[in-house]
Protein backbone atom coordinates (compact mmCIF):
# COMPACT_ATOMS: atom_id res chain seq x y z
CA MET A 1 5.58 28.11 -4.33
CA GLU A 2 6.09 24.90 -2.36
CA ALA A 3 5.19 21.66 -4.13
CA ARG A 4 2.04 19.92 -2.92
CA PRO A 5 2.36 16.82 -0.74
CA PHE A 6 1.74 13.29 -1.97
CA TYR A 7 0.39 10.82 0.54
CA SER A 8 1.22 7.23 1.38
CA LYS A 9 -1.29 4.48 0.65
CA ILE A 10 -2.69 1.36 2.30
CA LEU A 11 -3.81 -1.80 0.53
CA LEU A 12 -6.83 -2.30 2.75
CA PHE A 13 -8.04 -5.54 1.17
CA GLY A 14 -6.73 -7.66 -1.68
CA GLU A 15 -3.22 -8.64 -0.62
CA TYR A 16 -2.04 -11.52 -2.82
CA SER A 17 -5.57 -12.39 -4.00
CA VAL A 18 -5.39 -9.41 -6.38
CA ILE A 19 -2.57 -11.23 -8.18
CA GLN A 20 -5.17 -13.88 -9.02
CA HIS A 21 -7.47 -11.14 -10.33
CA SER A 22 -9.73 -10.64 -7.33
CA SER A 23 -10.82 -7.19 -6.17
CA ALA A 24 -8.63 -4.86 -4.14
CA LEU A 25 -9.42 -1.72 -2.16
CA ILE A 26 -6.57 0.77 -1.83
CA ILE A 27 -6.81 4.03 0.10
CA PRO A 28 -4.60 7.09 0.57
CA TYR A 29 -3.10 7.41 4.05
CA PRO A 30 -2.41 11.10 4.86
CA LEU A 31 -0.48 10.34 8.05
CA PHE A 32 2.67 10.05 5.92
CA GLU A 33 3.56 12.29 3.00
CA GLY A 34 6.38 13.39 0.74
CA ARG A 35 7.13 16.38 -1.47
CA LEU A 36 9.93 17.71 -3.67
CA LYS A 37 11.88 20.52 -2.03
CA PHE A 38 14.96 22.65 -2.54
CA PRO A 39 17.41 22.87 0.37
CA ARG A 40 18.02 26.00 2.37
CA ASP A 41 21.69 25.06 2.38
CA LYS A 42 22.85 25.71 -1.19
CA SER A 43 25.92 23.55 -0.65
CA LYS A 44 23.80 20.39 -0.50
CA GLY A 45 24.96 17.86 -3.09
CA ILE A 46 22.97 15.92 -5.69
CA ASP A 47 20.68 13.23 -4.30
CA PRO A 48 22.14 9.98 -5.74
CA GLU A 49 18.80 8.13 -5.69
CA LEU A 50 17.01 10.90 -7.57
CA LYS A 51 19.91 11.16 -9.99
CA ALA A 52 19.64 7.43 -10.77
CA PHE A 53 15.89 7.83 -11.21
CA CYS A 54 16.40 10.73 -13.60
CA GLN A 55 18.84 8.68 -15.68
CA TYR A 56 16.29 5.88 -15.80
CA LEU A 57 13.54 8.27 -16.96
CA LYS A 58 15.75 9.45 -19.83
CA LYS A 59 15.61 5.93 -21.26
CA LEU A 60 11.84 5.58 -21.11
CA PRO A 61 10.27 5.53 -24.58
CA VAL A 62 7.25 7.61 -23.53
CA GLY A 63 9.22 10.86 -23.48
CA ASN A 64 6.60 12.60 -21.37
CA ILE A 65 8.91 13.75 -18.55
CA ASP A 66 11.03 16.90 -18.82
CA THR A 67 14.23 15.19 -17.68
CA LYS A 68 16.36 18.23 -18.59
CA SER A 69 14.56 20.41 -16.05
CA PHE A 70 14.58 17.55 -13.54
CA GLU A 71 18.32 17.11 -13.95
CA PHE A 72 18.95 20.86 -13.66
CA ASP A 73 16.94 21.07 -10.44
CA LEU A 74 18.86 18.10 -9.04
CA GLY A 75 22.00 20.15 -9.58
CA GLN A 76 20.40 22.82 -7.39
CA GLY A 77 19.99 20.28 -4.58
CA LEU A 78 16.40 19.16 -5.21
CA PHE A 79 15.44 16.31 -2.87
CA PHE A 80 12.34 14.37 -1.82
CA HIS A 81 11.38 15.30 1.72
CA SER A 82 9.35 12.36 3.00
CA THR A 83 7.91 11.03 6.24
CA ILE A 84 6.82 7.81 4.47
CA PRO A 85 8.78 4.87 5.90
CA GLN A 86 10.61 2.87 3.24
CA GLY A 87 10.05 -0.87 3.08
CA PHE A 88 6.76 -0.72 5.02
CA GLY A 89 4.39 -1.22 2.10
CA VAL A 90 2.79 2.22 2.31
CA GLY A 91 3.97 3.58 -1.02
CA SER A 92 7.16 5.58 -0.50
CA SER A 93 8.29 5.11 -4.11
CA GLY A 94 4.75 5.68 -5.38
CA ALA A 95 4.62 9.10 -3.74
CA LEU A 96 8.00 10.01 -5.25
CA VAL A 97 6.86 8.96 -8.74
CA ALA A 98 3.66 11.00 -8.37
CA ALA A 99 5.64 14.04 -7.22
CA VAL A 100 8.10 13.87 -10.12
CA TYR A 101 5.30 13.37 -12.65
CA ASP A 102 3.31 16.28 -11.20
CA ARG A 103 6.26 18.65 -11.42
CA TYR A 104 8.03 17.58 -14.59
CA THR A 105 5.51 16.08 -16.98
CA LYS A 106 5.37 17.99 -20.26
CA GLU A 107 1.68 17.39 -20.81
CA LYS A 108 -0.49 15.94 -18.07
CA ILE A 109 -2.70 12.99 -18.96
CA GLU A 110 -6.41 13.67 -18.52
CA LEU A 111 -7.86 12.13 -15.36
CA THR A 112 -10.51 10.52 -17.53
CA GLU A 113 -7.70 8.32 -18.91
CA LEU A 114 -6.81 6.49 -15.72
CA SER A 115 -5.58 3.43 -17.59
CA ARG A 116 -3.07 5.46 -19.60
CA LEU A 117 -1.90 7.32 -16.50
CA LYS A 118 -1.54 4.07 -14.55
CA ASP A 119 0.54 2.55 -17.36
CA LEU A 120 2.92 5.52 -17.37
CA PHE A 121 3.28 5.33 -13.59
CA ALA A 122 4.00 1.60 -13.90
CA GLN A 123 6.88 2.33 -16.26
CA MET A 124 8.26 5.02 -13.97
CA GLU A 125 8.01 3.04 -10.72
CA SER A 126 9.57 -0.07 -12.26
CA HIS A 127 12.90 1.64 -11.61
CA PHE A 128 12.45 0.93 -7.90
CA HIS A 129 10.92 -2.56 -7.91
CA GLY A 130 11.84 -4.24 -11.17
CA SER A 131 8.16 -4.23 -12.08
CA SER A 132 5.16 -2.18 -10.97
CA SER A 133 1.40 -2.10 -11.45
CA GLY A 134 1.40 1.70 -11.29
CA VAL A 135 -1.37 1.66 -8.70
CA ASP A 136 0.63 3.14 -5.81
CA PRO A 137 1.64 6.30 -7.72
CA LEU A 138 -1.91 6.58 -9.06
CA ILE A 139 -3.40 6.52 -5.55
CA SER A 140 -0.86 9.08 -4.36
CA TYR A 141 -1.39 11.34 -7.36
CA LEU A 142 -5.19 11.24 -7.22
CA GLY A 143 -5.45 11.33 -3.43
CA GLN A 144 -8.47 9.08 -3.97
CA SER A 145 -9.39 5.54 -2.96
CA LEU A 146 -9.56 2.99 -5.77
CA LEU A 147 -11.50 -0.24 -6.11
CA ILE A 148 -9.72 -2.60 -8.51
CA TYR A 149 -11.22 -5.53 -10.38
CA GLY A 150 -8.57 -7.71 -11.97
CA LYS A 151 -5.89 -6.06 -14.11
CA LYS A 152 -7.77 -3.41 -16.06
CA ASP A 153 -11.06 -2.52 -14.38
CA TYR A 154 -10.82 0.01 -11.57
CA ARG A 155 -12.74 3.02 -10.36
CA ALA A 156 -12.56 5.72 -7.72
CA VAL A 157 -14.75 5.09 -4.68
CA ASP A 158 -15.88 7.15 -1.73
CA LEU A 159 -15.18 5.51 1.60
CA PRO A 160 -18.06 5.05 4.05
CA LYS A 161 -18.43 7.53 6.88
CA TYR A 162 -17.10 5.88 10.00
CA GLY A 163 -16.11 7.66 13.19
CA GLU A 164 -18.04 6.49 16.25
CA GLY A 165 -17.85 3.33 18.31
CA LYS A 166 -15.63 1.26 20.59
CA GLY A 167 -13.85 -0.77 17.91
CA GLY A 168 -12.71 -0.59 14.32
CA LEU A 169 -9.76 -1.24 12.04
CA PHE A 170 -6.19 -0.53 13.06
CA LEU A 171 -2.58 -0.75 11.91
CA LEU A 172 0.05 -2.53 13.96
CA ASN A 173 3.62 -1.43 13.28
CA THR A 174 6.05 -4.37 13.27
CA GLY A 175 8.98 -1.95 13.16
CA ARG A 176 10.63 -4.12 10.51
CA PRO A 177 11.13 -3.04 6.88
CA ARG A 178 10.78 -5.62 4.14
CA ARG A 179 11.16 -6.04 0.39
CA THR A 180 8.05 -6.82 -1.64
CA GLU A 181 9.58 -8.62 -4.61
CA PRO A 182 10.89 -11.78 -2.83
CA LEU A 183 7.57 -12.25 -1.02
CA VAL A 184 5.53 -11.95 -4.21
CA ASN A 185 7.89 -14.38 -5.92
CA LEU A 186 7.36 -16.82 -3.05
CA PHE A 187 3.60 -16.52 -3.45
CA LEU A 188 3.82 -17.18 -7.19
CA GLU A 189 6.01 -20.21 -6.52
CA LYS A 190 3.51 -21.57 -3.99
CA CYS A 191 0.70 -21.06 -6.52
CA ARG A 192 2.31 -23.79 -8.63
CA GLN A 193 1.11 -26.22 -5.97
CA GLU A 194 -2.44 -27.24 -6.86
CA SER A 195 -3.62 -27.39 -3.23
CA PHE A 196 -2.33 -23.88 -2.46
CA LEU A 197 -3.79 -22.42 -5.64
CA ARG A 198 -7.12 -24.08 -4.89
CA ASN A 199 -7.15 -22.48 -1.43
CA CYS A 200 -6.59 -19.10 -3.06
CA MET A 201 -9.35 -19.52 -5.61
CA ASP A 202 -11.94 -21.23 -3.37
CA LYS A 203 -11.25 -19.54 -0.02
CA LEU A 204 -8.95 -16.50 -0.13
CA ILE A 205 -10.68 -14.71 -3.00
CA PRO A 206 -14.28 -15.16 -1.71
CA ILE A 207 -13.28 -14.02 1.79
CA ASN A 208 -11.48 -11.00 0.37
CA GLU A 209 -14.53 -10.06 -1.73
CA SER A 210 -16.73 -10.38 1.36
CA CYS A 211 -14.40 -8.11 3.36
CA ILE A 212 -14.60 -5.38 0.72
CA GLU A 213 -18.37 -5.69 0.36
CA SER A 214 -19.07 -5.56 4.10
CA PHE A 215 -16.64 -2.66 4.61
CA LEU A 216 -18.23 -0.54 1.87
CA LYS A 217 -21.74 -1.41 3.13
CA GLN A 218 -20.74 -0.52 6.73
CA ASP A 219 -21.76 -3.98 7.93
CA THR A 220 -19.20 -3.98 10.74
CA GLU A 221 -20.31 -7.25 12.35
CA ALA A 222 -19.92 -9.13 9.05
CA LEU A 223 -16.62 -7.36 8.39
CA HIS A 224 -15.16 -8.50 11.71
CA ASN A 225 -16.28 -12.08 11.01
CA HIS A 226 -14.85 -12.09 7.50
CA MET A 227 -11.57 -10.64 8.72
CA THR A 228 -11.37 -13.35 11.38
CA ALA A 229 -11.78 -15.96 8.64
CA LEU A 230 -9.11 -14.20 6.56
CA SER A 231 -6.78 -14.04 9.57
CA LYS A 232 -7.16 -17.78 10.17
CA LEU A 233 -6.58 -18.60 6.50
CA GLN A 234 -3.43 -16.47 6.32
CA TYR A 235 -2.11 -17.92 9.58
CA GLU A 236 -2.48 -21.44 8.19
CA HIS A 237 -1.28 -20.87 4.62
CA PHE A 238 0.77 -17.63 4.57
CA ALA A 239 3.06 -18.22 7.54
CA PRO A 240 6.25 -17.23 5.62
CA MET A 241 4.73 -13.78 5.04
CA ILE A 242 3.96 -13.26 8.75
CA PRO A 243 6.94 -11.81 10.69
CA GLN A 244 8.25 -14.51 13.05
CA LEU A 245 8.06 -12.21 16.08
CA TYR A 246 4.34 -11.61 15.48
CA GLN A 247 3.10 -15.14 14.87
CA ASP A 248 2.27 -15.66 18.55
CA THR A 249 0.51 -12.28 18.67
CA TRP A 250 -1.46 -13.26 15.57
CA LYS A 251 -2.43 -16.62 17.11
CA LYS A 252 -3.38 -14.99 20.41
CA GLY A 253 -5.90 -12.78 18.63
CA LEU A 254 -7.53 -15.76 16.93
CA GLU A 255 -7.71 -17.78 20.15
CA SER A 256 -9.03 -14.97 22.35
CA GLY A 257 -11.41 -13.42 19.83
CA LEU A 258 -10.37 -9.96 21.09
CA TYR A 259 -8.85 -8.95 17.76
CA ASN A 260 -7.66 -10.38 14.49
CA LEU A 261 -4.70 -9.58 12.25
CA LYS A 262 -4.17 -9.80 8.51
CA LEU A 263 -1.36 -8.90 6.15
CA CYS A 264 -1.28 -5.31 4.97
CA GLY A 265 0.26 -5.69 1.54
CA ALA A 266 2.98 -8.26 1.03
CA GLY A 267 3.72 -8.87 4.71
CA GLY A 268 7.16 -9.81 5.96
CA GLY A 269 7.27 -6.67 8.10
CA GLY A 270 5.93 -3.15 7.72
CA PHE A 271 2.37 -2.87 9.02
CA LEU A 272 -0.22 -5.49 9.85
CA LEU A 273 -3.92 -4.62 9.64
CA GLY A 274 -6.44 -5.77 12.20
CA SER A 275 -9.94 -5.36 13.53
CA THR A 276 -11.21 -5.23 17.08
CA LYS A 277 -14.55 -4.65 18.77
CA ASP A 278 -12.93 -2.76 21.64
CA PHE A 279 -9.86 -0.54 21.31
CA ALA A 280 -9.52 -0.16 25.09
CA VAL A 281 -9.20 -3.93 25.53
CA LEU A 282 -6.92 -4.15 22.49
CA GLU A 283 -4.47 -1.58 23.85
CA GLU A 284 -4.38 -3.36 27.20
CA THR A 285 -3.85 -6.74 25.54
CA LEU A 286 -1.14 -5.50 23.15
CA GLN A 287 0.78 -3.23 25.50
CA GLY A 288 4.14 -2.25 24.07
CA HIS A 289 2.96 -2.46 20.45
CA GLU A 290 2.48 0.61 18.28
CA ILE A 291 -1.20 0.63 17.26
CA ARG A 292 -2.76 3.25 14.98
CA PRO A 293 -6.58 3.34 14.68
CA LEU A 294 -7.58 3.54 11.03
CA PHE A 295 -11.39 3.45 11.06
CA ILE A 296 -13.48 3.67 14.22
CA PHE A 297 -16.90 2.03 14.37
């Protein structure tokens, strides 16, 4: 029987502010997925990335993963078949961790123990990033949106029913992969400056909370206004996280009022997230850019 797919994810709201313990809303994104598969060609060699991951799992103190079976299957050519782009902030490693856990865990953790499951995923995914919150694998494994409050308080949420209208939220593909760790380190370094930290606490966090609240309440007019404020704040204070080639596009949206853009995760490349009141005008204005509608309202 073929293994089930594990989806990518999108950090809808909460980029960077969640590091300072604000809320974050993270959703699964079924457009991209990955699953463990065996090759039709039996001569296929061992996947070196999965082999390194298996060796890492052997050293974990939790001992919950059947690494012997994992290693045996790797010898049979097991690989992770994925359409999730790497370095785009949509959870490619999180989906892999979820898939390995689902197939090789000796005793699955009850879904009522989300904190324990998240902690295990954090240990597993740290192989890929040096450190991990465990949230990306958790989203992929559950296939459920999560609302996070600070470090420990989080719950599953049902997304509002959108689907009709001229505008909505969209993803803009920069076409450029990036690495999360250096960007997060830059943010933490900037937070040592009192003025920058004050902007985060007094402006970024309240705007982010307002975005989440208006989105969940389906107050689309307020959401667009809050996202415009967030776009302006990030343009002024998060310029290093905005890809250089898209800074003019970002500014054009603010000046025209036709759309706004915000970081989708760490920034630096991958996807940007935006809102518009009219997709037809947006597509005409941003001809040549890859735009994916996310929620229509």
